[in-house]
Every structure is written in C-alpha cells, then in structure tokens.
Amino acid sequence: MENYSTPKAMKQMSDLFEKYKNHFKPPQASVEKVVVEAIEAIAGFEVSIEQVTYTVSTKTVSLAIPSILKTELRMRQKDILEYLQRSLGKNNAPVAIL
C-alpha cells in the first residue's frame, strides 16, 4: 500500500491519433477521388478519375478535359479549393487546379 498512487486520467481515443494527423498525408488516389466529387458537387458535370492527376510534391491537380470545361472550373476554382480544404484538411488540400 505504500507504493499505491491514484490512477491517471484516461485519454480519449481521438487524442491517441493526434500526432499522426500532422505526419501523414492522404494518398494520391484519395485526393483524386475527392477532386472528382468536388467537381461534380460544385460544377455539376462528371469527370472520370482517369482525367485527374494529382502531384503530391507541388499539391497541384491537373485535368485532362476539354478547354471549355477547364474555363468553367477556372471560374469556380475558389469554391472547389474550399470544398477540398473542408474534405481533406487545410494542410493536405491541393492549392492549384491546372
């Protein structure tokens, strides 16, 4: 009984994974899927995953779509990037759409 101490407070489950949020980034394929979802939700037309390329090092998204659609996305780029920040987090979201 001399060595007895009161138990420490329990940690919450979300706190256990907090350190990994800063170290790990979402995989390239996951970002491409979210980009397709964002374009469908905001612009209203479908883009296939094969037409989307994400470069992890520069955080840019390239689209292989007709120029008329690229122009439409360019006008809504700010809304799409905000959607991506909400979905992927501010640090992991793409910063440009080409």
C-alpha atoms as a PDB file:
ATOM      1  CA  MET A   1       0.000   0.000   0.000  1.00  0.00           C
ATOM      2  CA  GLU A   2       2.962   2.310   0.396  1.00  0.00           C
ATOM      3  CA  ASN A   3       3.601   2.411  -3.369  1.00  0.00           C
ATOM      4  CA  TYR A   4      -0.028   2.957  -4.300  1.00  0.00           C
ATOM      5  CA  SER A   5      -0.921   6.059  -6.314  1.00  0.00           C
ATOM      6  CA  THR A   6      -4.205   7.174  -7.768  1.00  0.00           C
ATOM      7  CA  PRO A   7      -4.852   6.116 -11.362  1.00  0.00           C
ATOM      8  CA  LYS A   8      -4.042   8.587 -14.122  1.00  0.00           C
ATOM      9  CA  ALA A   9      -6.842  10.132 -16.142  1.00  0.00           C
ATOM     10  CA  MET A  10      -7.754   8.176 -19.250  1.00  0.00           C
ATOM     11  CA  LYS A  11      -7.007   9.653 -22.650  1.00  0.00           C
ATOM     12  CA  GLN A  12      -9.696   9.942 -25.262  1.00  0.00           C
ATOM     13  CA  MET A  13      -9.367   7.837 -28.409  1.00  0.00           C
ATOM     14  CA  SER A  14      -9.096  10.878 -30.673  1.00  0.00           C
ATOM     15  CA  ASP A  15      -6.092  12.126 -28.687  1.00  0.00           C
ATOM     16  CA  LEU A  16      -4.179   8.915 -29.355  1.00  0.00           C
ATOM     17  CA  PHE A  17      -4.074   9.605 -33.104  1.00  0.00           C
ATOM     18  CA  GLU A  18      -3.415  13.355 -32.876  1.00  0.00           C
ATOM     19  CA  LYS A  19       0.313  13.084 -33.585  1.00  0.00           C
ATOM     20  CA  TYR A  20      -0.319  11.150 -36.811  1.00  0.00           C
ATOM     21  CA  LYS A  21      -2.546  13.866 -38.286  1.00  0.00           C
ATOM     22  CA  ASN A  22       0.483  16.093 -38.765  1.00  0.00           C
ATOM     23  CA  HIS A  23       2.793  13.439 -40.210  1.00  0.00           C
ATOM     24  CA  PHE A  24       0.695  11.535 -42.714  1.00  0.00           C
ATOM     25  CA  LYS A  25      -0.773  12.870 -45.922  1.00  0.00           C
ATOM     26  CA  PRO A  26      -3.649  11.321 -47.861  1.00  0.00           C
ATOM     27  CA  PRO A  27      -2.638   9.073 -50.775  1.00  0.00           C
ATOM     28  CA  GLN A  28      -2.724  10.438 -54.297  1.00  0.00           C
ATOM     29  CA  ALA A  29      -5.702   8.283 -55.311  1.00  0.00           C
ATOM     30  CA  SER A  30      -7.766   9.520 -52.363  1.00  0.00           C
ATOM     31  CA  VAL A  31      -7.164  13.144 -53.293  1.00  0.00           C
ATOM     32  CA  GLU A  32      -8.117  12.419 -56.913  1.00  0.00           C
ATOM     33  CA  LYS A  33     -11.413  10.840 -55.788  1.00  0.00           C
ATOM     34  CA  VAL A  34     -12.260  13.859 -53.641  1.00  0.00           C
ATOM     35  CA  VAL A  35     -11.432  16.192 -56.562  1.00  0.00           C
ATOM     36  CA  VAL A  36     -13.896  14.284 -58.758  1.00  0.00           C
ATOM     37  CA  GLU A  37     -16.551  14.575 -56.024  1.00  0.00           C
ATOM     38  CA  ALA A  38     -15.879  18.306 -55.640  1.00  0.00           C
ATOM     39  CA  ILE A  39     -16.209  18.960 -59.366  1.00  0.00           C
ATOM     40  CA  GLU A  40     -19.474  17.021 -59.529  1.00  0.00           C
ATOM     41  CA  ALA A  41     -20.873  18.813 -56.464  1.00  0.00           C
ATOM     42  CA  ILE A  42     -19.893  22.356 -57.440  1.00  0.00           C
ATOM     43  CA  ALA A  43     -19.690  22.453 -61.241  1.00  0.00           C
ATOM     44  CA  GLY A  44     -22.420  19.919 -61.926  1.00  0.00           C
ATOM     45  CA  PHE A  45     -20.669  17.784 -64.543  1.00  0.00           C
ATOM     46  CA  GLU A  46     -18.846  14.477 -64.295  1.00  0.00           C
ATOM     47  CA  VAL A  47     -15.121  13.960 -64.635  1.00  0.00           C
ATOM     48  CA  SER A  48     -13.585  10.491 -64.517  1.00  0.00           C
ATOM     49  CA  ILE A  49     -10.687   9.630 -62.238  1.00  0.00           C
ATOM     50  CA  GLU A  50      -8.530   8.862 -65.288  1.00  0.00           C
ATOM     51  CA  GLN A  51      -8.784  12.539 -66.285  1.00  0.00           C
ATOM     52  CA  VAL A  52      -7.477  13.776 -62.917  1.00  0.00           C
ATOM     53  CA  THR A  53      -3.792  13.786 -61.951  1.00  0.00           C
ATOM     54  CA  TYR A  54      -2.566  14.985 -58.553  1.00  0.00           C
ATOM     55  CA  THR A  55       1.075  15.873 -57.894  1.00  0.00           C
ATOM     56  CA  VAL A  56       1.828  15.410 -54.200  1.00  0.00           C
ATOM     57  CA  SER A  57       5.047  17.443 -54.071  1.00  0.00           C
ATOM     58  CA  THR A  58       3.507  20.628 -55.518  1.00  0.00           C
ATOM     59  CA  LYS A  59      -0.087  19.994 -54.363  1.00  0.00           C
ATOM     60  CA  THR A  60      -1.467  20.688 -57.829  1.00  0.00           C
ATOM     61  CA  VAL A  61      -4.280  18.997 -59.705  1.00  0.00           C
ATOM     62  CA  SER A  62      -4.056  18.610 -63.484  1.00  0.00           C
ATOM     63  CA  LEU A  63      -7.146  17.856 -65.538  1.00  0.00           C
ATOM     64  CA  ALA A  64      -7.208  16.246 -68.982  1.00  0.00           C
ATOM     65  CA  ILE A  65     -10.568  17.686 -70.040  1.00  0.00           C
ATOM     66  CA  PRO A  66     -11.722  19.954 -72.891  1.00  0.00           C
ATOM     67  CA  SER A  67     -10.790  23.620 -72.582  1.00  0.00           C
ATOM     68  CA  ILE A  68     -14.400  24.799 -72.303  1.00  0.00           C
ATOM     69  CA  LEU A  69     -14.797  22.698 -69.149  1.00  0.00           C
ATOM     70  CA  LYS A  70     -11.462  23.940 -67.799  1.00  0.00           C
ATOM     71  CA  THR A  71     -12.692  27.506 -68.250  1.00  0.00           C
ATOM     72  CA  GLU A  72     -15.835  26.673 -66.290  1.00  0.00           C
ATOM     73  CA  LEU A  73     -13.747  25.164 -63.498  1.00  0.00           C
ATOM     74  CA  ARG A  74     -11.385  28.141 -63.524  1.00  0.00           C
ATOM     75  CA  MET A  75     -14.330  30.418 -62.706  1.00  0.00           C
ATOM     76  CA  ARG A  76     -15.291  28.163 -59.776  1.00  0.00           C
ATOM     77  CA  GLN A  77     -11.765  27.290 -58.673  1.00  0.00           C
ATOM     78  CA  LYS A  78     -12.047  29.111 -55.339  1.00  0.00           C
ATOM     79  CA  ASP A  79     -15.208  27.176 -54.392  1.00  0.00           C
ATOM     80  CA  ILE A  80     -13.646  23.862 -55.416  1.00  0.00           C
ATOM     81  CA  LEU A  81     -10.471  24.526 -53.408  1.00  0.00           C
ATOM     82  CA  GLU A  82     -12.560  25.450 -50.345  1.00  0.00           C
ATOM     83  CA  TYR A  83     -14.515  22.184 -50.737  1.00  0.00           C
ATOM     84  CA  LEU A  84     -11.216  20.282 -50.883  1.00  0.00           C
ATOM     85  CA  GLN A  85      -9.919  22.045 -47.763  1.00  0.00           C
ATOM     86  CA  ARG A  86     -13.045  21.062 -45.846  1.00  0.00           C
ATOM     87  CA  SER A  87     -12.779  17.452 -47.038  1.00  0.00           C
ATOM     88  CA  LEU A  88      -9.029  16.864 -46.785  1.00  0.00           C
ATOM     89  CA  GLY A  89      -7.945  19.417 -44.222  1.00  0.00           C
ATOM     90  CA  LYS A  90      -6.182  22.698 -44.747  1.00  0.00           C
ATOM     91  CA  ASN A  91      -2.650  21.254 -44.827  1.00  0.00           C
ATOM     92  CA  ASN A  92      -3.428  18.346 -47.158  1.00  0.00           C
ATOM     93  CA  ALA A  93      -5.640  20.030 -49.752  1.00  0.00           C
ATOM     94  CA  PRO A  94      -4.404  20.944 -53.246  1.00  0.00           C
ATOM     95  CA  VAL A  95      -3.512  24.601 -53.759  1.00  0.00           C
ATOM     96  CA  ALA A  96      -3.988  24.877 -57.535  1.00  0.00           C
ATOM     97  CA  ILE A  97      -6.022  23.348 -60.338  1.00  0.00           C
ATOM     98  CA  LEU A  98      -4.463  23.343 -63.810  1.00  0.00           C
END
